Amino acid sequence: MSNPELEKFAERYAKAWCSRNPESVAAFFAENGSISINNGPPAVGRAAIAKEAEAFMTTFPDMVVTFDKLEPRADTTAFHWTLSGTNTGPGGIGNRVRISGYELWKIDNDGLIAESKGHFDSAAYERQLKEGIDR
């Protein structure tokens, strides 16, 4: 996939995260693709990936994910993003969160994500869930 094509893919991927439709996120992955978050166990396959996306969409019903930049690396591409939202989902206390991170993508021959390894500062995320970003 050329760089301009990958940029458009990344823009569409970020919009999918904002769609409130977890299957639209999963559609960017190969049938047996995977996503792991902060070195956690991978969610493998589109149904499992949709479940991971749904968890964030439920926690942050107003979630907005912005595409910040792509960073080519040796055998992956780093997709940098920022998530903003209000923790008003089930059990949420209404605090606003703004966290940035990245996913290391391996793209398959069909132009889909074969593997994504997501990373963000979990301590900052947990602190914002409890205290918000306004304090």
Protein backbone atom coordinates (compact mmCIF):
# COMPACT_ATOMS: atom_id res chain seq x y z
CA MET A 1 0.00 0.00 0.00
CA SER A 2 1.45 3.35 -0.99
CA ASN A 3 1.85 6.11 1.55
CA PRO A 4 -1.10 8.22 0.24
CA GLU A 5 -3.30 5.09 0.25
CA LEU A 6 -2.19 4.23 3.78
CA GLU A 7 -2.91 7.81 4.91
CA LYS A 8 -6.48 7.54 3.55
CA PHE A 9 -6.83 4.10 5.17
CA ALA A 10 -5.72 5.58 8.52
CA GLU A 11 -8.20 8.46 8.21
CA ARG A 12 -11.05 6.03 7.48
CA TYR A 13 -9.93 3.79 10.35
CA ALA A 14 -10.05 6.69 12.84
CA LYS A 15 -13.54 7.61 11.57
CA ALA A 16 -14.64 4.00 12.05
CA TRP A 17 -13.72 4.27 15.73
CA CYS A 18 -16.03 7.30 15.95
CA SER A 19 -18.90 5.53 14.17
CA ARG A 20 -20.45 3.77 17.20
CA ASN A 21 -20.36 0.66 14.99
CA PRO A 22 -17.72 -1.81 16.25
CA GLU A 23 -18.05 -3.96 13.13
CA SER A 24 -16.86 -1.02 11.03
CA VAL A 25 -13.59 -1.06 13.01
CA ALA A 26 -13.26 -4.83 12.61
CA ALA A 27 -13.72 -4.50 8.84
CA PHE A 28 -10.26 -2.89 8.62
CA PHE A 29 -8.71 -6.14 9.83
CA ALA A 30 -7.94 -9.34 7.97
CA GLU A 31 -10.40 -12.15 8.71
CA ASN A 32 -7.96 -13.65 11.23
CA GLY A 33 -6.31 -10.35 12.12
CA SER A 34 -5.55 -9.40 15.69
CA ILE A 35 -5.35 -6.44 18.01
CA SER A 36 -3.68 -6.30 21.40
CA ILE A 37 -3.70 -3.36 23.77
CA ASN A 38 -0.75 -2.54 26.03
CA ASN A 39 0.77 -6.01 25.64
CA GLY A 40 -2.48 -7.68 26.67
CA PRO A 41 -3.76 -10.87 25.10
CA PRO A 42 -4.66 -10.41 21.44
CA ALA A 43 -8.24 -10.34 20.24
CA VAL A 44 -8.12 -12.56 17.15
CA GLY A 45 -10.67 -12.44 14.35
CA ARG A 46 -13.16 -9.76 13.42
CA ALA A 47 -15.77 -10.74 16.03
CA ALA A 48 -13.23 -10.46 18.85
CA ILE A 49 -11.86 -7.19 17.45
CA ALA A 50 -15.40 -5.78 17.26
CA LYS A 51 -15.86 -6.73 20.92
CA GLU A 52 -12.72 -4.76 21.86
CA ALA A 53 -13.93 -1.74 19.88
CA GLU A 54 -17.39 -2.02 21.43
CA ALA A 55 -15.90 -1.85 24.94
CA PHE A 56 -14.38 1.56 24.20
CA MET A 57 -17.51 2.75 22.37
CA THR A 58 -19.65 1.75 25.36
CA THR A 59 -17.35 3.38 27.90
CA PHE A 60 -17.19 6.60 25.85
CA PRO A 61 -20.48 7.06 23.94
CA ASP A 62 -19.21 10.43 22.64
CA MET A 63 -15.76 9.08 21.73
CA VAL A 64 -13.77 10.84 19.03
CA VAL A 65 -10.59 9.27 17.70
CA THR A 66 -8.37 11.49 15.62
CA PHE A 67 -5.65 10.32 13.26
CA ASP A 68 -2.49 12.19 14.25
CA LYS A 69 0.19 10.76 11.96
CA LEU A 70 1.72 7.65 10.41
CA GLU A 71 5.28 6.68 11.18
CA PRO A 72 6.89 4.07 8.90
CA ARG A 73 9.08 1.60 10.76
CA ALA A 74 11.17 -1.38 9.65
CA ASP A 75 8.40 -3.97 9.26
CA THR A 76 5.41 -2.05 10.64
CA THR A 77 3.67 1.30 10.45
CA ALA A 78 2.86 3.24 13.60
CA PHE A 79 -0.63 4.75 13.49
CA HIS A 80 -0.66 7.59 16.04
CA TRP A 81 -4.05 8.62 17.42
CA THR A 82 -5.78 10.66 20.12
CA LEU A 83 -8.95 9.52 21.87
CA SER A 84 -11.25 12.07 23.50
CA GLY A 85 -14.47 11.20 25.26
CA THR A 86 -16.58 11.33 28.37
CA ASN A 87 -16.80 8.27 30.59
CA THR A 88 -20.60 8.13 30.70
CA GLY A 89 -21.04 4.47 29.79
CA PRO A 90 -22.20 1.86 32.32
CA GLY A 91 -20.43 2.46 35.62
CA GLY A 92 -18.83 5.64 34.31
CA ILE A 93 -18.63 8.73 36.48
CA GLY A 94 -18.74 11.29 33.71
CA ASN A 95 -15.10 12.33 33.60
CA ARG A 96 -13.54 13.51 30.35
CA VAL A 97 -10.55 11.65 28.98
CA ARG A 98 -8.00 12.68 26.36
CA ILE A 99 -5.27 10.15 25.72
CA SER A 100 -2.85 9.67 22.84
CA GLY A 101 -1.20 6.49 21.72
CA TYR A 102 -0.29 4.45 18.71
CA GLU A 103 -0.87 1.10 17.06
CA LEU A 104 1.90 -0.82 15.34
CA TRP A 105 0.30 -2.21 12.20
CA LYS A 106 1.36 -5.09 10.03
CA ILE A 107 -0.59 -4.77 6.79
CA ASP A 108 -1.35 -7.91 4.77
CA ASN A 109 -1.27 -8.35 0.99
CA ASP A 110 -4.97 -7.42 0.77
CA GLY A 111 -4.31 -4.03 2.38
CA LEU A 112 -5.93 -4.97 5.71
CA ILE A 113 -4.48 -4.97 9.21
CA ALA A 114 -3.06 -8.43 9.93
CA GLU A 115 -1.78 -7.42 13.35
CA SER A 116 -2.13 -4.33 15.50
CA LYS A 117 -0.29 -3.78 18.76
CA GLY A 118 -1.78 -0.78 20.54
CA HIS A 119 0.03 1.27 23.16
CA PHE A 120 -1.00 4.14 25.41
CA ASP A 121 -0.12 5.40 28.89
CA SER A 122 -2.43 3.27 31.03
CA ALA A 123 -1.56 5.13 34.24
CA ALA A 124 -2.60 8.47 32.70
CA TYR A 125 -5.74 6.83 31.30
CA GLU A 126 -6.75 5.41 34.70
CA ARG A 127 -6.04 8.74 36.40
CA GLN A 128 -8.22 10.58 33.86
CA LEU A 129 -11.04 8.06 34.31
CA LYS A 130 -11.00 8.80 38.06
CA GLU A 131 -10.22 12.53 38.01
CA GLY A 132 -10.96 13.75 34.47
CA ILE A 133 -8.80 16.11 32.46
CA ASP A 134 -10.37 19.29 33.76
CA ARG A 135 -8.57 19.21 37.11
